[in-house]
Amino acid sequence: MNQNNNKSLSIIVPVYNEENSIEKSIEVFNDILKNNKTKIEVILINDGSTDNTINLLHKNKNDNIKIIHHKKN
């Protein structure tokens, strides 16, 4: 058994009013996740964004990208 299969990584990313860049960021994370053999999860924490960030985050379809939403910054 390859030892790399037992390793995992969690990446936590705070997000605040990122409607202009969040879709590109998720695209980059998706590319990293599909091309990596290590178990990786990305946790995006929306910290009370007042723009359209939360709606764009929920368009994500990758189960390895988790969304946490705080209503208040």
PDB file of N, CA and C in Angstrom:
ATOM      1  N   MET A   1       0.841  -1.190   0.000  1.00  0.00           N
ATOM      2  CA  MET A   1       0.000   0.000   0.000  1.00  0.00           C
ATOM      3  C   MET A   1       0.881   1.247   0.000  1.00  0.00           C
ATOM      4  N   ASN A   2       0.552   2.190  -0.821  1.00  0.00           N
ATOM      5  CA  ASN A   2       1.283   3.445  -0.906  1.00  0.00           C
ATOM      6  C   ASN A   2       0.947   4.328   0.300  1.00  0.00           C
ATOM      7  N   GLN A   3       1.976   4.827   0.962  1.00  0.00           N
ATOM      8  CA  GLN A   3       1.760   5.657   2.154  1.00  0.00           C
ATOM      9  C   GLN A   3       1.050   6.966   1.837  1.00  0.00           C
ATOM     10  N   ASN A   4       1.158   7.474   0.622  1.00  0.00           N
ATOM     11  CA  ASN A   4       0.489   8.725   0.262  1.00  0.00           C
ATOM     12  C   ASN A   4      -1.023   8.618   0.344  1.00  0.00           C
ATOM     13  N   ASN A   5      -1.565   7.404   0.236  1.00  0.00           N
ATOM     14  CA  ASN A   5      -3.012   7.223   0.316  1.00  0.00           C
ATOM     15  C   ASN A   5      -3.560   7.515   1.703  1.00  0.00           C
ATOM     16  N   ASN A   6      -2.711   7.489   2.715  1.00  0.00           N
ATOM     17  CA  ASN A   6      -3.141   7.732   4.089  1.00  0.00           C
ATOM     18  C   ASN A   6      -3.071   9.201   4.470  1.00  0.00           C
ATOM     19  N   LYS A   7      -2.533  10.019   3.630  1.00  0.00           N
ATOM     20  CA  LYS A   7      -2.359  11.436   3.947  1.00  0.00           C
ATOM     21  C   LYS A   7      -3.561  12.234   3.474  1.00  0.00           C
ATOM     22  N   SER A   8      -3.856  13.267   4.232  1.00  0.00           N
ATOM     23  CA  SER A   8      -4.932  14.170   3.824  1.00  0.00           C
ATOM     24  C   SER A   8      -4.547  15.590   4.200  1.00  0.00           C
ATOM     25  N   LEU A   9      -5.221  16.523   3.571  1.00  0.00           N
ATOM     26  CA  LEU A   9      -4.929  17.934   3.770  1.00  0.00           C
ATOM     27  C   LEU A   9      -6.225  18.727   3.730  1.00  0.00           C
ATOM     28  N   SER A  10      -6.394  19.624   4.689  1.00  0.00           N
ATOM     29  CA  SER A  10      -7.525  20.555   4.691  1.00  0.00           C
ATOM     30  C   SER A  10      -6.984  21.957   4.474  1.00  0.00           C
ATOM     31  N   ILE A  11      -7.568  22.643   3.517  1.00  0.00           N
ATOM     32  CA  ILE A  11      -7.181  24.025   3.227  1.00  0.00           C
ATOM     33  C   ILE A  11      -8.365  24.901   3.616  1.00  0.00           C
ATOM     34  N   ILE A  12      -8.126  25.846   4.519  1.00  0.00           N
ATOM     35  CA  ILE A  12      -9.191  26.734   4.985  1.00  0.00           C
ATOM     36  C   ILE A  12      -8.954  28.115   4.385  1.00  0.00           C
ATOM     37  N   VAL A  13      -9.987  28.620   3.714  1.00  0.00           N
ATOM     38  CA  VAL A  13      -9.871  29.907   3.019  1.00  0.00           C
ATOM     39  C   VAL A  13     -10.986  30.835   3.488  1.00  0.00           C
ATOM     40  N   PRO A  14     -10.635  31.936   4.170  1.00  0.00           N
ATOM     41  CA  PRO A  14     -11.668  32.925   4.516  1.00  0.00           C
ATOM     42  C   PRO A  14     -12.070  33.704   3.268  1.00  0.00           C
ATOM     43  N   VAL A  15     -13.362  33.989   3.162  1.00  0.00           N
ATOM     44  CA  VAL A  15     -13.893  34.682   1.992  1.00  0.00           C
ATOM     45  C   VAL A  15     -14.775  35.834   2.469  1.00  0.00           C
ATOM     46  N   TYR A  16     -14.539  37.026   1.919  1.00  0.00           N
ATOM     47  CA  TYR A  16     -15.380  38.175   2.260  1.00  0.00           C
ATOM     48  C   TYR A  16     -15.520  39.070   1.032  1.00  0.00           C
ATOM     49  N   ASN A  17     -16.742  39.229   0.556  1.00  0.00           N
ATOM     50  CA  ASN A  17     -17.039  40.080  -0.608  1.00  0.00           C
ATOM     51  C   ASN A  17     -16.091  39.792  -1.783  1.00  0.00           C
ATOM     52  N   GLU A  18     -16.118  38.550  -2.229  1.00  0.00           N
ATOM     53  CA  GLU A  18     -15.234  38.101  -3.309  1.00  0.00           C
ATOM     54  C   GLU A  18     -15.991  37.757  -4.583  1.00  0.00           C
ATOM     55  N   GLU A  19     -17.135  38.392  -4.815  1.00  0.00           N
ATOM     56  CA  GLU A  19     -17.935  38.024  -5.982  1.00  0.00           C
ATOM     57  C   GLU A  19     -17.183  38.177  -7.296  1.00  0.00           C
ATOM     58  N   ASN A  20     -16.187  39.055  -7.350  1.00  0.00           N
ATOM     59  CA  ASN A  20     -15.446  39.267  -8.597  1.00  0.00           C
ATOM     60  C   ASN A  20     -14.369  38.216  -8.842  1.00  0.00           C
ATOM     61  N   SER A  21     -14.019  37.434  -7.808  1.00  0.00           N
ATOM     62  CA  SER A  21     -12.922  36.478  -7.986  1.00  0.00           C
ATOM     63  C   SER A  21     -13.227  35.064  -7.505  1.00  0.00           C
ATOM     64  N   ILE A  22     -14.316  34.833  -6.811  1.00  0.00           N
ATOM     65  CA  ILE A  22     -14.556  33.529  -6.191  1.00  0.00           C
ATOM     66  C   ILE A  22     -14.771  32.413  -7.211  1.00  0.00           C
ATOM     67  N   GLU A  23     -15.410  32.691  -8.320  1.00  0.00           N
ATOM     68  CA  GLU A  23     -15.625  31.642  -9.322  1.00  0.00           C
ATOM     69  C   GLU A  23     -14.293  31.155  -9.899  1.00  0.00           C
ATOM     70  N   LYS A  24     -13.381  32.063 -10.156  1.00  0.00           N
ATOM     71  CA  LYS A  24     -12.056  31.689 -10.657  1.00  0.00           C
ATOM     72  C   LYS A  24     -11.300  30.899  -9.587  1.00  0.00           C
ATOM     73  N   SER A  25     -11.427  31.309  -8.338  1.00  0.00           N
ATOM     74  CA  SER A  25     -10.763  30.584  -7.245  1.00  0.00           C
ATOM     75  C   SER A  25     -11.282  29.152  -7.138  1.00  0.00           C
ATOM     76  N   ILE A  26     -12.589  28.985  -7.216  1.00  0.00           N
ATOM     77  CA  ILE A  26     -13.171  27.647  -7.154  1.00  0.00           C
ATOM     78  C   ILE A  26     -12.706  26.807  -8.343  1.00  0.00           C
ATOM     79  N   GLU A  27     -12.594  27.412  -9.500  1.00  0.00           N
ATOM     80  CA  GLU A  27     -12.095  26.711 -10.684  1.00  0.00           C
ATOM     81  C   GLU A  27     -10.670  26.206 -10.454  1.00  0.00           C
ATOM     82  N   VAL A  28      -9.837  27.050  -9.855  1.00  0.00           N
ATOM     83  CA  VAL A  28      -8.455  26.656  -9.547  1.00  0.00           C
ATOM     84  C   VAL A  28      -8.441  25.516  -8.533  1.00  0.00           C
ATOM     85  N   PHE A  29      -9.251  25.625  -7.478  1.00  0.00           N
ATOM     86  CA  PHE A  29      -9.333  24.553  -6.485  1.00  0.00           C
ATOM     87  C   PHE A  29      -9.792  23.249  -7.128  1.00  0.00           C
ATOM     88  N   ASN A  30     -10.762  23.317  -8.006  1.00  0.00           N
ATOM     89  CA  ASN A  30     -11.243  22.109  -8.695  1.00  0.00           C
ATOM     90  C   ASN A  30     -10.129  21.460  -9.509  1.00  0.00           C
ATOM     91  N   ASP A  31      -9.322  22.271 -10.187  1.00  0.00           N
ATOM     92  CA  ASP A  31      -8.200  21.734 -10.958  1.00  0.00           C
ATOM     93  C   ASP A  31      -7.189  21.046 -10.047  1.00  0.00           C
ATOM     94  N   ILE A  32      -6.906  21.664  -8.919  1.00  0.00           N
ATOM     95  CA  ILE A  32      -5.959  21.073  -7.965  1.00  0.00           C
ATOM     96  C   ILE A  32      -6.509  19.753  -7.428  1.00  0.00           C
ATOM     97  N   LEU A  33      -7.779  19.749  -7.075  1.00  0.00           N
ATOM     98  CA  LEU A  33      -8.384  18.560  -6.486  1.00  0.00           C
ATOM     99  C   LEU A  33      -8.427  17.377  -7.445  1.00  0.00           C
ATOM    100  N   LYS A  34      -8.713  17.635  -8.704  1.00  0.00           N
ATOM    101  CA  LYS A  34      -8.826  16.525  -9.648  1.00  0.00           C
ATOM    102  C   LYS A  34      -7.468  15.995 -10.090  1.00  0.00           C
ATOM    103  N   ASN A  35      -6.428  16.786  -9.954  1.00  0.00           N
ATOM    104  CA  ASN A  35      -5.098  16.373 -10.404  1.00  0.00           C
ATOM    105  C   ASN A  35      -4.188  15.929  -9.271  1.00  0.00           C
ATOM    106  N   ASN A  36      -4.745  15.715  -8.094  1.00  0.00           N
ATOM    107  CA  ASN A  36      -3.926  15.380  -6.945  1.00  0.00           C
ATOM    108  C   ASN A  36      -4.384  14.043  -6.371  1.00  0.00           C
ATOM    109  N   LYS A  37      -3.422  13.222  -5.992  1.00  0.00           N
ATOM    110  CA  LYS A  37      -3.750  11.908  -5.437  1.00  0.00           C
ATOM    111  C   LYS A  37      -3.932  11.946  -3.919  1.00  0.00           C
ATOM    112  N   THR A  38      -3.489  13.000  -3.279  1.00  0.00           N
ATOM    113  CA  THR A  38      -3.678  13.154  -1.842  1.00  0.00           C
ATOM    114  C   THR A  38      -5.114  13.582  -1.581  1.00  0.00           C
ATOM    115  N   LYS A  39      -5.701  13.091  -0.501  1.00  0.00           N
ATOM    116  CA  LYS A  39      -7.064  13.499  -0.140  1.00  0.00           C
ATOM    117  C   LYS A  39      -7.005  14.941   0.356  1.00  0.00           C
ATOM    118  N   ILE A  40      -7.652  15.816  -0.378  1.00  0.00           N
ATOM    119  CA  ILE A  40      -7.660  17.241  -0.044  1.00  0.00           C
ATOM    120  C   ILE A  40      -9.096  17.713   0.053  1.00  0.00           C
ATOM    121  N   GLU A  41      -9.358  18.510   1.066  1.00  0.00           N
ATOM    122  CA  GLU A  41     -10.638  19.216   1.143  1.00  0.00           C
ATOM    123  C   GLU A  41     -10.336  20.701   1.257  1.00  0.00           C
ATOM    124  N   VAL A  42     -11.172  21.497   0.643  1.00  0.00           N
ATOM    125  CA  VAL A  42     -11.062  22.953   0.717  1.00  0.00           C
ATOM    126  C   VAL A  42     -12.292  23.444   1.468  1.00  0.00           C
ATOM    127  N   ILE A  43     -12.061  24.217   2.507  1.00  0.00           N
ATOM    128  CA  ILE A  43     -13.153  24.760   3.306  1.00  0.00           C
ATOM    129  C   ILE A  43     -13.175  26.265   3.086  1.00  0.00           C
ATOM    130  N   LEU A  44     -14.227  26.739   2.445  1.00  0.00           N
ATOM    131  CA  LEU A  44     -14.387  28.169   2.184  1.00  0.00           C
ATOM    132  C   LEU A  44     -15.325  28.734   3.249  1.00  0.00           C
ATOM    133  N   ILE A  45     -14.829  29.692   4.002  1.00  0.00           N
ATOM    134  CA  ILE A  45     -15.625  30.279   5.078  1.00  0.00           C
ATOM    135  C   ILE A  45     -16.038  31.683   4.671  1.00  0.00           C
ATOM    136  N   ASN A  46     -17.305  31.822   4.338  1.00  0.00           N
ATOM    137  CA  ASN A  46     -17.845  33.123   3.982  1.00  0.00           C
ATOM    138  C   ASN A  46     -18.113  33.887   5.280  1.00  0.00           C
ATOM    139  N   ASP A  47     -17.408  34.976   5.457  1.00  0.00           N
ATOM    140  CA  ASP A  47     -17.462  35.711   6.721  1.00  0.00           C
ATOM    141  C   ASP A  47     -18.380  36.928   6.628  1.00  0.00           C
ATOM    142  N   GLY A  48     -19.650  36.671   6.324  1.00  0.00           N
ATOM    143  CA  GLY A  48     -20.643  37.742   6.321  1.00  0.00           C
ATOM    144  C   GLY A  48     -20.598  38.648   5.106  1.00  0.00           C
ATOM    145  N   SER A  49     -20.247  38.104   3.960  1.00  0.00           N
ATOM    146  CA  SER A  49     -20.205  38.912   2.741  1.00  0.00           C
ATOM    147  C   SER A  49     -21.540  39.605   2.501  1.00  0.00           C
ATOM    148  N   THR A  50     -21.461  40.824   1.991  1.00  0.00           N
ATOM    149  CA  THR A  50     -22.671  41.602   1.711  1.00  0.00           C
ATOM    150  C   THR A  50     -22.953  41.695   0.214  1.00  0.00           C
ATOM    151  N   ASP A  51     -22.117  41.056  -0.591  1.00  0.00           N
ATOM    152  CA  ASP A  51     -22.328  41.055  -2.036  1.00  0.00           C
ATOM    153  C   ASP A  51     -22.902  39.699  -2.454  1.00  0.00           C
ATOM    154  N   ASN A  52     -22.670  39.265  -3.649  1.00  0.00           N
ATOM    155  CA  ASN A  52     -23.244  38.032  -4.193  1.00  0.00           C
ATOM    156  C   ASN A  52     -22.355  36.799  -3.951  1.00  0.00           C
ATOM    157  N   THR A  53     -21.359  36.924  -3.106  1.00  0.00           N
ATOM    158  CA  THR A  53     -20.406  35.840  -2.873  1.00  0.00           C
ATOM    159  C   THR A  53     -21.092  34.540  -2.471  1.00  0.00           C
ATOM    160  N   ILE A  54     -22.010  34.581  -1.533  1.00  0.00           N
ATOM    161  CA  ILE A  54     -22.619  33.355  -1.025  1.00  0.00           C
ATOM    162  C   ILE A  54     -23.360  32.590  -2.130  1.00  0.00           C
ATOM    163  N   ASN A  55     -24.045  33.307  -3.009  1.00  0.00           N
ATOM    164  CA  ASN A  55     -24.755  32.643  -4.117  1.00  0.00           C
ATOM    165  C   ASN A  55     -23.781  31.985  -5.082  1.00  0.00           C
ATOM    166  N   LEU A  56     -22.661  32.629  -5.324  1.00  0.00           N
ATOM    167  CA  LEU A  56     -21.652  32.051  -6.210  1.00  0.00           C
ATOM    168  C   LEU A  56     -20.992  30.839  -5.565  1.00  0.00           C
ATOM    169  N   LEU A  57     -20.790  30.885  -4.251  1.00  0.00           N
ATOM    170  CA  LEU A  57     -20.218  29.736  -3.549  1.00  0.00           C
ATOM    171  C   LEU A  57     -21.120  28.514  -3.666  1.00  0.00           C
ATOM    172  N   HIS A  58     -22.409  28.711  -3.584  1.00  0.00           N
ATOM    173  CA  HIS A  58     -23.340  27.591  -3.618  1.00  0.00           C
ATOM    174  C   HIS A  58     -23.523  26.988  -5.007  1.00  0.00           C
ATOM    175  N   LYS A  59     -22.938  27.594  -6.022  1.00  0.00           N
ATOM    176  CA  LYS A  59     -22.931  26.993  -7.354  1.00  0.00           C
ATOM    177  C   LYS A  59     -21.933  25.838  -7.440  1.00  0.00           C
ATOM    178  N   ASN A  60     -21.020  25.777  -6.478  1.00  0.00           N
ATOM    179  CA  ASN A  60     -19.993  24.744  -6.453  1.00  0.00           C
ATOM    180  C   ASN A  60     -20.634  23.360  -6.395  1.00  0.00           C
ATOM    181  N   LYS A  61     -20.131  22.436  -7.186  1.00  0.00           N
ATOM    182  CA  LYS A  61     -20.663  21.071  -7.223  1.00  0.00           C
ATOM    183  C   LYS A  61     -19.645  20.030  -6.742  1.00  0.00           C
ATOM    184  N   ASN A  62     -18.479  20.458  -6.305  1.00  0.00           N
ATOM    185  CA  ASN A  62     -17.435  19.535  -5.871  1.00  0.00           C
ATOM    186  C   ASN A  62     -17.634  19.202  -4.391  1.00  0.00           C
ATOM    187  N   ASP A  63     -17.783  17.923  -4.078  1.00  0.00           N
ATOM    188  CA  ASP A  63     -18.004  17.492  -2.697  1.00  0.00           C
ATOM    189  C   ASP A  63     -16.787  17.715  -1.795  1.00  0.00           C
ATOM    190  N   ASN A  64     -15.622  17.924  -2.383  1.00  0.00           N
ATOM    191  CA  ASN A  64     -14.413  18.177  -1.594  1.00  0.00           C
ATOM    192  C   ASN A  64     -14.227  19.653  -1.274  1.00  0.00           C
ATOM    193  N   ILE A  65     -15.144  20.484  -1.737  1.00  0.00           N
ATOM    194  CA  ILE A  65     -15.137  21.902  -1.378  1.00  0.00           C
ATOM    195  C   ILE A  65     -16.324  22.134  -0.478  1.00  0.00           C
ATOM    196  N   LYS A  66     -16.046  22.475   0.761  1.00  0.00           N
ATOM    197  CA  LYS A  66     -17.094  22.703   1.762  1.00  0.00           C
ATOM    198  C   LYS A  66     -17.309  24.202   1.934  1.00  0.00           C
ATOM    199  N   ILE A  67     -18.545  24.590   2.182  1.00  0.00           N
ATOM    200  CA  ILE A  67     -18.918  25.994   2.377  1.00  0.00           C
ATOM    201  C   ILE A  67     -19.448  26.178   3.791  1.00  0.00           C
ATOM    202  N   ILE A  68     -18.886  27.128   4.501  1.00  0.00           N
ATOM    203  CA  ILE A  68     -19.394  27.539   5.804  1.00  0.00           C
ATOM    204  C   ILE A  68     -19.784  29.001   5.678  1.00  0.00           C
ATOM    205  N   HIS A  69     -20.972  29.337   6.132  1.00  0.00           N
ATOM    206  CA  HIS A  69     -21.447  30.707   5.973  1.00  0.00           C
ATOM    207  C   HIS A  69     -21.746  31.336   7.343  1.00  0.00           C
ATOM    208  N   HIS A  70     -21.086  32.448   7.595  1.00  0.00           N
ATOM    209  CA  HIS A  70     -21.386  33.256   8.775  1.00  0.00           C
ATOM    210  C   HIS A  70     -22.186  34.460   8.299  1.00  0.00           C
ATOM    211  N   LYS A  71     -23.350  34.682   8.891  1.00  0.00           N
ATOM    212  CA  LYS A  71     -24.188  35.798   8.455  1.00  0.00           C
ATOM    213  C   LYS A  71     -23.599  37.144   8.825  1.00  0.00           C
ATOM    214  N   LYS A  72     -22.835  37.179   9.907  1.00  0.00           N
ATOM    215  CA  LYS A  72     -22.287  38.441  10.379  1.00  0.00           C
ATOM    216  C   LYS A  72     -20.761  38.383  10.359  1.00  0.00           C
ATOM    217  N   ASN A  73     -20.144  39.437   9.893  1.00  0.00           N
ATOM    218  CA  ASN A  73     -18.678  39.526   9.861  1.00  0.00           C
ATOM    219  C   ASN A  73     -18.177  39.789  11.264  1.00  0.00           C
TER     220      ASN A  73
END
